[in-house]
Protein backbone atom coordinates (compact mmCIF):
# COMPACT_ATOMS: atom_id res chain seq x y z
CA MET A 1 189.33 23.73 105.20
CA THR A 2 186.10 22.11 103.92
CA GLY A 3 183.11 23.13 103.47
CA LYS A 4 179.54 21.49 105.10
CA PRO A 5 176.25 21.31 103.13
CA ALA A 6 173.52 22.77 105.19
CA LEU A 7 170.76 19.72 105.65
CA ILE A 8 167.56 21.22 104.00
CA LEU A 9 163.82 18.95 103.85
CA LEU A 10 162.49 18.63 101.17
CA LEU A 11 159.24 17.79 102.98
CA LEU A 12 158.64 21.15 104.61
CA THR A 13 156.25 23.77 103.20
CA THR A 14 159.19 26.64 103.50
CA ILE A 15 161.99 25.88 100.41
CA ALA A 16 165.40 26.82 99.51
CA THR A 17 164.77 28.44 96.17
CA ALA A 18 164.83 32.16 95.79
CA HIS A 19 165.55 32.80 99.85
CA VAL A 20 165.88 30.17 102.43
CA GLY A 21 162.54 29.28 104.68
CA SER A 22 160.84 32.56 103.31
CA PRO A 23 159.22 31.21 100.20
CA ASP A 24 156.12 34.29 100.31
CA VAL A 25 156.90 36.76 96.82
CA PHE A 26 157.01 41.10 98.03
CA LEU A 27 156.69 42.97 95.25
CA GLU A 28 155.78 47.09 95.67
CA GLY A 29 155.40 48.86 91.57
CA THR A 30 152.69 50.46 90.24
CA ALA A 31 150.23 49.13 87.41
CA GLY A 32 149.82 51.98 85.47
CA PRO A 33 148.88 55.04 87.71
CA TYR A 34 148.29 53.06 90.42
CA PRO A 35 151.17 51.69 93.43
CA LEU A 36 150.09 48.22 94.73
CA LEU A 37 151.92 46.29 97.97
CA VAL A 38 151.35 42.49 96.10
CA THR A 39 151.83 39.32 98.37
CA LEU A 40 152.03 36.38 96.47
CA ARG A 41 151.76 32.86 98.24
CA PRO A 42 153.64 29.81 96.50
CA PRO A 43 151.79 26.17 96.14
CA VAL A 44 153.81 24.07 97.65
CA VAL A 45 152.23 21.10 94.69
CA ILE A 46 152.58 21.59 91.08
CA PRO A 47 149.49 22.28 90.04
CA GLY A 48 148.63 23.82 92.60
CA VAL A 49 146.67 27.42 94.23
CA ALA A 50 148.64 30.20 94.68
CA GLU A 51 147.15 32.40 96.61
CA VAL A 52 147.04 36.22 95.98
CA GLU A 53 146.82 39.36 98.10
CA ILE A 54 146.76 42.84 96.79
CA ARG A 55 146.81 46.21 98.86
CA THR A 56 146.40 49.41 97.36
CA SER A 57 146.78 52.75 98.33
CA ALA A 58 144.92 54.72 95.13
CA ALA A 59 140.89 55.37 96.11
CA ASP A 60 140.16 54.95 92.37
CA VAL A 61 140.43 51.46 91.47
CA ARG A 62 137.60 50.17 90.23
CA GLU A 63 138.93 46.48 89.91
CA ILE A 64 141.26 44.10 89.79
CA ARG A 65 142.00 40.76 88.13
CA VAL A 66 144.81 38.62 87.45
CA VAL A 67 146.37 35.49 85.77
CA PRO A 68 149.40 33.43 86.10
CA VAL A 69 151.24 33.29 82.40
CA PRO A 70 154.33 31.70 81.85
CA LEU A 71 157.34 34.53 82.26
CA THR A 72 159.63 33.26 79.25
CA GLY A 73 158.87 31.95 76.13
CA LEU A 74 155.52 32.29 73.21
CA ALA A 75 152.80 30.97 75.87
CA LYS A 76 153.24 34.03 77.85
CA LYS A 77 151.70 35.66 74.72
CA TYR A 78 148.44 33.61 75.33
CA PRO A 79 147.25 34.17 78.62
CA PRO A 80 143.72 32.47 80.06
CA THR A 81 140.89 34.36 81.16
CA PRO A 82 141.60 36.60 84.31
CA ASP A 83 140.26 35.75 87.29
CA LEU A 84 138.23 38.76 89.80
CA LEU A 85 140.00 39.62 93.17
CA GLN A 86 137.57 40.17 95.96
CA ARG A 87 138.14 43.44 97.33
CA SER A 88 137.84 43.33 101.03
CA LYS A 89 134.28 44.11 102.86
CA ALA A 90 136.56 45.83 105.71
CA ASP A 91 138.84 47.89 103.58
CA PRO A 92 138.35 48.50 100.47
CA ARG A 93 141.86 48.94 99.14
CA PHE A 94 142.94 45.65 99.35
CA TYR A 95 142.51 42.32 97.21
CA THR A 96 142.44 38.90 97.58
CA GLY A 97 142.18 35.61 95.33
CA SER A 98 144.27 32.77 93.98
CA VAL A 99 145.43 31.42 90.46
CA TRP A 100 146.47 28.38 89.50
CA LEU A 101 149.89 26.79 88.31
CA MET A 102 149.79 24.04 86.55
CA THR A 103 153.15 23.46 85.71
CA PHE A 104 156.39 23.64 86.95
CA GLY A 105 158.53 26.60 86.08
CA SER A 106 159.13 30.15 86.54
CA TRP A 107 155.63 32.09 86.04
CA GLN A 108 154.08 35.52 86.66
CA VAL A 109 151.32 37.30 87.74
CA ARG A 110 149.87 40.07 86.04
CA ALA A 111 147.60 41.97 88.29
CA GLN A 112 145.32 44.31 85.52
CA VAL A 113 143.60 46.94 87.45
CA GLU A 114 140.36 49.19 86.16
CA GLY A 115 140.44 52.23 87.85
CA ALA A 116 139.05 55.99 86.70
CA ARG A 117 142.73 56.87 85.31
CA GLY A 118 142.27 53.95 83.03
CA PRO A 119 143.77 50.64 82.35
CA GLY A 120 146.98 49.64 84.31
CA THR A 121 149.22 45.96 84.20
CA LEU A 122 151.77 44.89 86.95
CA SER A 123 153.68 41.74 85.99
CA VAL A 124 154.58 39.25 89.46
CA PRO A 125 157.67 36.74 88.90
CA ILE A 126 157.40 33.62 90.33
CA PRO A 127 158.60 30.65 90.61
CA ALA A 128 156.69 27.30 90.45
CA ILE A 129 157.70 24.29 91.46
CA ALA A 130 156.75 21.16 93.66
CA SER A 131 158.33 20.78 97.33
CA GLN A 132 156.55 18.24 98.58
CA THR A 133 153.83 15.49 98.20
CA ARG A 134 150.17 15.77 99.90
CA PRO A 135 149.34 11.82 101.26
CA MET A 136 145.21 11.21 100.60
CA GLN A 137 143.12 11.82 103.68
CA THR A 138 142.65 8.21 106.09
CA PRO A 139 138.75 9.41 105.57
CA MET A 140 138.84 10.01 101.74
CA ALA A 141 140.70 6.95 101.30
CA ILE A 142 138.58 4.53 102.92
CA LEU A 143 135.25 6.17 100.95
CA LEU A 144 136.91 5.81 97.43
CA PHE A 145 138.12 2.01 97.81
CA GLY A 146 134.41 1.74 99.46
CA MET A 147 132.96 2.87 96.00
CA MET A 148 135.73 0.73 93.92
CA ALA A 149 135.30 -1.98 95.66
CA PHE A 150 130.99 -1.65 95.04
CA LEU A 151 131.70 -0.45 91.15
CA VAL A 152 134.18 -4.10 91.07
CA VAL A 153 131.35 -6.44 92.39
CA GLY A 154 128.65 -4.24 91.09
CA LEU A 155 130.45 -5.18 87.40
CA VAL A 156 131.07 -8.75 88.34
CA SER A 157 127.41 -9.41 89.06
CA ILE A 158 125.96 -7.92 85.88
CA ILE A 159 128.11 -9.05 83.88
CA GLY A 160 127.39 -12.81 85.90
CA ALA A 161 123.74 -12.19 85.38
CA SER A 162 123.81 -11.17 81.37
CA VAL A 163 125.06 -14.82 80.87
CA ARG A 164 123.12 -16.45 83.29
CA GLU A 165 119.78 -14.74 82.94
CA ALA A 166 119.64 -12.94 79.79
CA PRO A 167 118.97 -15.10 76.90
CA LEU A 168 116.40 -16.27 78.84
CA ASP A 169 111.99 -15.96 78.09
CA ALA A 170 110.92 -14.19 81.17
CA GLY A 171 109.25 -16.87 83.65
CA LEU A 172 111.52 -19.25 83.15
CA ALA A 173 114.28 -20.54 85.66
CA PRO A 174 118.60 -20.39 84.86
CA THR A 175 119.53 -24.47 84.34
CA GLY A 176 122.52 -25.92 86.19
CA SER A 177 124.80 -25.52 83.12
CA ARG A 178 123.68 -21.87 82.60
CA ARG A 179 124.57 -21.16 86.44
CA ARG A 180 127.40 -22.93 85.98
CA ARG A 181 129.33 -20.65 82.78
CA ALA A 182 128.12 -18.02 84.82
CA ASN A 183 130.14 -18.11 87.16
CA ILE A 184 133.13 -19.16 85.53
CA VAL A 185 132.28 -16.15 83.27
CA MET A 186 132.43 -13.55 86.59
CA ALA A 187 135.41 -15.89 87.77
CA LEU A 188 137.43 -14.18 84.22
CA ALA A 189 135.25 -10.60 85.49
CA ALA A 190 137.13 -10.63 88.17
CA VAL A 191 140.33 -11.60 87.36
CA LEU A 192 140.09 -8.89 84.64
CA CYS A 193 139.12 -6.02 86.90
CA ILE A 194 141.90 -7.04 89.38
CA LEU A 195 144.25 -7.15 86.78
CA ALA A 196 142.95 -3.90 85.18
CA LEU A 197 142.90 -2.13 89.31
CA CYS A 198 146.46 -3.56 89.15
CA ALA A 199 148.21 -1.83 85.75
CA GLY A 200 145.75 0.87 87.07
CA GLN A 201 148.26 1.16 90.33
CA HIS A 202 151.64 0.63 87.91
CA TRP A 203 150.34 3.17 85.99
CA TRP A 204 149.69 5.88 88.98
CA GLY A 205 152.87 4.17 90.70
CA SER A 206 155.49 5.18 87.56
CA GLN A 207 152.97 9.34 87.62
CA ASP A 208 153.65 9.29 91.18
CA SER A 209 157.50 8.40 90.89
CA ASP A 210 157.92 11.05 87.86
CA TYR A 211 156.38 13.74 90.70
CA ARG A 212 158.95 12.58 93.13
CA ASP A 213 161.78 12.95 90.63
CA ASN A 214 160.18 16.02 90.15
CA LEU A 215 160.55 17.59 93.64
CA TYR A 216 162.07 20.77 94.21
CA LYS A 217 166.39 19.22 95.44
CA PRO A 218 168.21 22.50 96.53
CA LEU A 219 171.10 23.71 94.88
CA GLY A 220 173.94 22.12 96.42
CA LEU A 221 177.30 24.49 96.85
CA ALA A 222 180.62 23.21 98.77
CA ALA A 223 182.73 26.08 100.13
CA HIS A 224 187.08 25.51 100.80
CA LEU A 225 189.38 27.61 101.80
CA THR A 226 193.30 28.20 99.50
CA ASN A 227 196.01 29.83 99.77
CA GLY A 228 194.75 31.64 102.97
CA ASN A 229 192.79 33.55 101.40
CA ARG A 230 190.97 33.01 98.30
CA LEU A 231 187.41 31.12 99.40
CA ASP A 232 186.33 28.30 96.10
CA LEU A 233 182.94 27.67 95.80
CA HIS A 234 181.24 24.73 93.90
CA LEU A 235 177.58 24.87 92.97
CA ARG A 236 176.81 21.15 92.04
CA ASP A 237 173.52 19.86 90.53
CA GLN A 238 171.68 17.55 92.46
CA GLY A 239 169.47 15.52 90.37
CA TRP A 240 166.85 18.04 89.56
CA GLU A 241 167.05 16.41 86.30
CA GLY A 242 165.25 18.68 82.89
CA PHE A 243 164.72 21.79 85.48
CA ARG A 244 168.86 23.17 85.93
CA LYS A 245 171.43 24.38 84.91
CA LEU A 246 174.33 25.85 85.74
CA ASP A 247 175.91 27.69 82.64
CA ASP A 248 172.73 29.63 82.10
CA LEU A 249 173.53 32.01 85.39
CA VAL A 250 172.64 36.16 84.55
CA PRO A 251 173.59 38.90 86.40
CA ASP A 252 171.62 40.52 89.20
CA HIS A 253 172.17 43.23 89.45
CA ASN A 254 175.42 43.17 87.65
CA HIS A 255 176.93 40.16 89.36
CA LEU A 256 176.16 36.29 88.78
CA MET A 257 176.57 35.77 91.96
CA HIS A 258 175.09 37.71 96.00
CA LEU A 259 177.36 35.91 98.34
CA PHE A 260 176.77 36.31 102.51
CA LEU A 261 178.88 35.40 104.71
CA VAL A 262 176.88 35.12 108.46
CA ARG A 263 178.93 33.78 112.22
CA THR A 264 176.51 31.76 113.68
CA PRO A 265 175.60 31.42 116.68
CA ALA A 266 176.32 35.01 117.50
CA MET A 267 175.25 36.93 113.81
CA ASP A 268 177.54 39.77 114.98
CA ARG A 269 178.89 39.78 111.51
CA LEU A 270 177.59 39.65 107.42
CA TRP A 271 179.97 40.10 104.85
CA HIS A 272 178.31 40.67 101.38
CA LEU A 273 180.75 39.96 98.63
CA HIS A 274 180.94 39.07 94.84
CA PRO A 275 182.59 36.49 93.73
CA ASP A 276 183.59 35.70 89.83
CA GLU A 277 183.06 32.45 87.50
CA VAL A 278 186.03 30.81 86.86
CA GLN A 279 183.60 27.81 84.71
CA PRO A 280 180.23 27.07 85.09
CA GLY A 281 178.98 25.76 88.38
CA GLU A 282 182.24 27.41 89.85
CA PHE A 283 183.21 30.56 91.77
CA SER A 284 186.38 32.61 93.55
CA LEU A 285 187.49 35.03 95.21
CA ALA A 286 189.82 36.29 97.91
CA LEU A 287 188.30 37.53 100.64
CA PRO A 288 188.60 40.45 103.09
CA ASN A 289 189.89 40.91 106.61
CA VAL A 290 187.64 37.89 108.07
CA ASP A 291 187.03 37.21 112.01
CA PRO A 292 187.87 33.70 112.77
CA GLY A 293 184.31 31.58 113.15
CA HIS A 294 182.34 29.38 111.97
CA TYR A 295 180.44 31.11 108.72
CA LYS A 296 176.65 29.82 107.37
CA ILE A 297 177.61 31.03 103.31
CA PHE A 298 173.81 31.65 101.42
CA ALA A 299 174.81 32.73 97.68
CA ASP A 300 172.50 33.84 95.29
CA VAL A 301 172.06 33.01 91.67
CA VAL A 302 169.34 33.62 89.30
CA HIS A 303 169.28 31.10 85.78
CA ASP A 304 168.09 32.89 82.44
CA THR A 305 164.69 31.67 82.91
CA GLY A 306 164.37 34.02 86.13
CA PHE A 307 164.35 31.41 88.30
CA ALA A 308 166.31 31.97 91.17
CA GLU A 309 167.67 30.15 94.25
CA THR A 310 169.71 30.30 97.33
CA ALA A 311 172.54 27.72 98.19
CA VAL A 312 173.89 27.63 101.47
CA THR A 313 176.29 25.59 102.90
CA GLU A 314 179.06 25.92 105.98
CA ILE A 315 182.54 26.88 106.53
CA ASP A 316 184.81 26.67 109.62
CA LEU A 317 187.23 30.13 108.92
CA PRO A 318 190.16 31.36 110.99
CA ALA A 319 191.58 35.44 110.86
CA ILE A 320 191.64 36.34 107.41
CA GLN A 321 194.78 39.05 107.21
CA GLY A 322 192.38 39.27 103.11
CA ARG A 323 191.93 42.79 101.07
CA ALA A 324 190.54 45.63 101.42
CA LEU A 325 186.79 46.40 100.79
CA ASP A 326 186.04 47.62 97.45
CA GLY A 327 183.46 48.29 94.96
CA ASP A 328 179.78 46.60 95.92
CA ASP A 329 181.65 44.50 99.02
CA SER A 330 180.20 45.45 102.35
CA VAL A 331 180.25 44.20 105.69
CA GLY A 332 177.62 44.77 108.73
CA THR A 333 178.94 44.30 112.08
CA ALA A 334 176.79 44.62 115.71
CA ALA A 335 177.45 43.40 119.47
CA ALA A 336 175.76 39.01 119.72
CA LEU A 337 172.39 38.15 118.76
CA TYR A 338 171.77 36.64 122.71
CA GLN A 339 172.57 40.51 123.60
CA ALA A 340 170.24 41.59 120.63
CA ASP A 341 167.84 44.48 122.28
CA ILE A 342 164.69 44.63 120.15
CA SER A 343 163.48 48.05 121.47
CA ARG A 344 167.22 49.36 119.93
CA THR A 345 165.36 51.39 116.83
CA ALA A 346 169.03 53.35 115.37
CA ALA A 347 172.07 51.17 114.40
CA PRO A 348 176.03 53.34 114.44
CA LEU A 349 176.99 54.12 110.77
CA SER A 350 180.59 55.33 110.07
CA ASP A 351 181.47 58.70 110.66
CA GLY A 352 178.76 59.15 113.53
CA PHE A 353 175.76 59.01 111.17
CA ARG A 354 173.41 56.82 112.16
CA MET A 355 170.21 54.79 110.86
CA VAL A 356 166.83 55.06 112.44
CA TRP A 357 164.27 52.02 112.43
CA MET A 358 160.92 54.24 111.92
CA ARG A 359 158.73 51.47 112.84
CA ASP A 360 155.65 51.51 115.58
CA SER A 361 154.88 49.61 118.81
CA GLN A 362 152.62 47.39 117.54
CA PRO A 363 154.40 43.78 117.76
CA LEU A 364 155.78 41.63 114.79
CA GLN A 365 153.98 39.21 113.21
CA SER A 366 154.49 36.00 110.78
CA ARG A 367 152.74 35.60 108.09
CA ARG A 368 152.08 39.47 107.22
CA LEU A 369 153.28 42.33 105.21
CA TYR A 370 154.89 45.04 106.99
CA ARG A 371 156.82 48.32 105.04
CA PHE A 372 160.11 48.18 106.86
CA LEU A 373 161.53 52.12 106.82
CA PHE A 374 164.75 53.46 107.60
CA ARG A 375 166.00 57.23 107.40
CA VAL A 376 169.88 57.83 107.57
CA GLU A 377 170.62 60.50 109.44
CA ASP A 378 174.07 62.61 110.09
CA ARG A 379 175.41 64.06 113.51
CA ALA A 380 172.80 66.08 113.81
CA GLY A 381 169.86 64.38 113.58
CA ASN A 382 169.52 65.36 110.22
CA LEU A 383 168.95 63.57 106.74
CA ALA A 384 171.98 62.20 105.66
CA PRO A 385 173.12 64.61 102.23
CA ASP A 386 175.37 62.67 100.13
CA MET A 387 173.12 59.80 100.09
CA GLN A 388 173.94 57.43 96.43
CA LEU A 389 172.10 54.24 94.92
CA TYR A 390 173.79 51.69 95.84
CA MET A 391 174.30 48.54 92.90
CA GLY A 392 171.16 50.58 90.99
CA MET A 393 168.63 50.81 94.55
CA PRO A 394 168.81 52.92 97.49
CA GLY A 395 169.07 50.24 99.79
CA HIS A 396 169.95 46.43 99.96
CA ALA A 397 168.50 44.45 103.73
CA GLU A 398 168.71 40.82 104.82
CA PHE A 399 166.68 39.50 106.99
CA VAL A 400 168.39 36.54 109.08
CA ARG A 401 166.43 34.20 111.73
CA ALA A 402 168.50 33.00 114.78
CA ASP A 403 168.65 29.26 113.68
CA GLY A 404 170.11 30.14 110.24
CA ASN A 405 166.79 28.52 108.40
CA VAL A 406 165.48 31.73 107.05
CA PHE A 407 167.41 34.21 104.97
CA ALA A 408 165.52 36.54 101.91
CA HIS A 409 167.60 39.31 100.12
CA VAL A 410 165.15 42.40 99.81
CA HIS A 411 164.94 45.18 97.82
CA PRO A 412 163.01 48.67 98.30
CA SER A 413 160.86 46.39 95.49
CA GLY A 414 160.75 43.69 97.67
CA SER A 415 162.09 40.13 97.17
CA VAL A 416 161.86 39.14 93.73
CA SER A 417 165.36 38.57 91.83
CA MET A 418 165.97 42.36 89.94
CA ALA A 419 167.45 39.49 86.40
CA ALA A 420 163.84 37.88 86.69
CA LEU A 421 161.77 41.38 87.14
CA MET A 422 163.69 42.66 83.72
CA MET A 423 161.30 39.29 81.93
CA ALA A 424 158.09 39.87 83.36
CA ASP A 425 155.99 41.63 81.38
CA GLY A 426 156.71 46.21 81.32
CA ALA A 427 157.50 44.77 85.81
CA MET A 428 160.87 47.24 85.41
CA GLN A 429 158.49 50.02 83.94
CA SER A 430 156.78 50.15 86.82
CA MET A 431 159.23 50.14 89.15
CA ASN A 432 160.12 52.98 91.12
CA THR A 433 164.27 53.54 91.36
CA PRO A 434 165.05 57.62 91.62
CA SER A 435 167.81 58.80 90.23
CA THR A 436 168.51 61.32 93.44
CA PRO A 437 168.80 58.44 96.75
CA PRO A 438 166.56 59.79 99.81
CA SER A 439 167.59 59.70 103.12
CA THR A 440 165.73 56.85 103.77
CA VAL A 441 164.39 53.31 102.27
CA SER A 442 161.16 51.08 102.37
CA PHE A 443 161.62 47.59 102.10
CA PRO A 444 158.41 45.41 101.59
CA TYR A 445 158.66 41.86 103.23
CA GLY A 446 156.24 39.54 105.87
CA PHE A 447 157.71 36.93 108.27
CA PRO A 448 157.83 33.61 107.25
CA GLY A 449 157.65 32.26 110.89
CA PRO A 450 157.99 33.26 114.93
CA GLY A 451 161.32 33.61 115.88
CA ILE A 452 164.03 36.20 116.47
CA TYR A 453 164.92 38.24 113.43
CA ARG A 454 168.51 40.19 113.07
CA ILE A 455 168.22 42.77 109.57
CA PHE A 456 170.86 44.20 108.24
CA VAL A 457 170.33 47.08 105.80
CA GLN A 458 173.01 48.04 103.16
CA ILE A 459 173.61 51.51 101.94
CA LYS A 460 175.90 53.83 100.01
CA ARG A 461 176.89 57.59 101.08
CA ASN A 462 179.81 59.18 100.06
CA GLU A 463 180.92 56.52 98.17
CA HIS A 464 180.87 54.01 101.24
CA VAL A 465 178.68 51.47 101.73
CA ASP A 466 177.41 51.07 105.44
CA THR A 467 175.77 48.51 106.85
CA GLY A 468 172.67 49.13 110.35
CA VAL A 469 172.17 46.00 112.29
CA PHE A 470 168.84 45.77 114.13
CA ASP A 471 166.58 43.05 115.87
CA ALA A 472 163.04 41.61 115.68
CA ALA A 473 161.21 39.52 117.39
CA VAL A 474 158.26 37.97 115.82
CA ASN A 475 154.88 36.39 117.10
C-alpha cells in the first residue's frame, strides 16, 4: 500500500506546524505564586506581531509585562525591555497585548508578573515562521506610486533648473544653448532615476524571493504497509532550507514520534502509537489489530531547537491482525461521526467505567479559550480510585475537526510540546503535574474555526489506557 501526501496550502492563515490548522498556543502554568492561563496567537508573516492574552485567577496581581526572546542560544540571556499588558476594564484579571517576533525560529514569550506576593515569571514557547505573504493594498500602492512619480519629476526639475539658471545673475534669462544643456542634463537625470528605480526593483525582487524561500513548507510524510502489518514512515524535507533537519529530533514524553491513525470520514477509530526510528527521517512499527478503511495519519515530532511539527499523510489499510497493544499505545472507538450526538457528555470506558465531560450549556465559540474538564467515574458513579499518569501527565487529548484539516494534540498544561517546554526558562518548574493523578483532567484549548469536532481523551488507570470520545459543534 502506498501513502498519499496530504495537501496543505502554504498561503493559509492556519498552518501545519505543531498542530494542523490550529496555530494558536495555549499554556496553563504558574508565574511564581500566580496561576496563569496564556494564549499566544503567532503572526503569519515575520517580522510580525504576536497577540498575547493572559488570564489569572489571582486577585493580587498588579501588572503583567511580556517580552520575546529566543528559545535557545546566547541571545535569550539579553532580552529587550518588556511591554506592559493592558488590564481589561470589564475583567480585571484578564490582560491583553502584543509582542514583535523579528526573525524566524523558535521563540519564547516571558510573562513577568508583579503582585502582592512578589514577582513571578512564566515562559511560553512559540514558533516564529512565515506562512504567507501579504499583498500591498491598492490605495496604498497608488499613493506610493504617486509620491514616487512626484519625487522623480521634482528631482529632475531641480537638476534642470540648477543647470539652466543657477549660474545666471538675477533678472537674466537663460540663453538657448543653456536651455539645450539643461534639457540634456534633465534627460540624463531621468535615465539615472529610472536606472536607480530598476535597481531598487531588482533588490526588492531579490528580497521578496528570499522571503518566499523562507515561507514555511510542511514536513512531508509517506507511509507504506509492508509484511502484512508493518507500517514504514518516511519524513521528507520539502525544501525549507536552513530551518529544518531530520537528524535532530528529540524525545517528547519519551518518544521521538507520536503517531495518530484516524479512520475517515467516520472518525470512529483513533490509534495513538509510537514508532521506532530506524535512521534519520525513517520510522517503523508493527501495527496492532486495525480495522480496514481509509486513514489519515498525523505524526508529531520535535526538533532540538524546540520547533514542533505535525506531518500529515493518508493511507488505505486492509484488516490487520497485528500485535497486542502495549506500553503507551492506545485505541479509541466511537460511533461514526455522522451519528454524532453533540449533547452527549458521557463516554464509556473499559470495565464499566465512564468519562464525563463537565461542560456547561453555553454554545462553543471559535477562537476562544476554554478549559475542557473531564471526570472519570467507576460503575457506581464515584471518582475512579485507580488513576495513573499517562506518559507523565494526567491525560492527553486530541481535537480533530470533521474535515480533517484541524488536528491538535493537547496536554493538561496546554498545546506546547513538553520537549519545547523543557527548553523554556523555568517553564517546567511552573507546571503542576501531580504525583498522584486526580480523577479529573482538564485541557486548555481554543477551536481555530467553526465546525464539528471530535475529541479523544486518553487516561490511564489500573495499567490500562482508556479513551473517551466526545463530539462538539463550534459556532
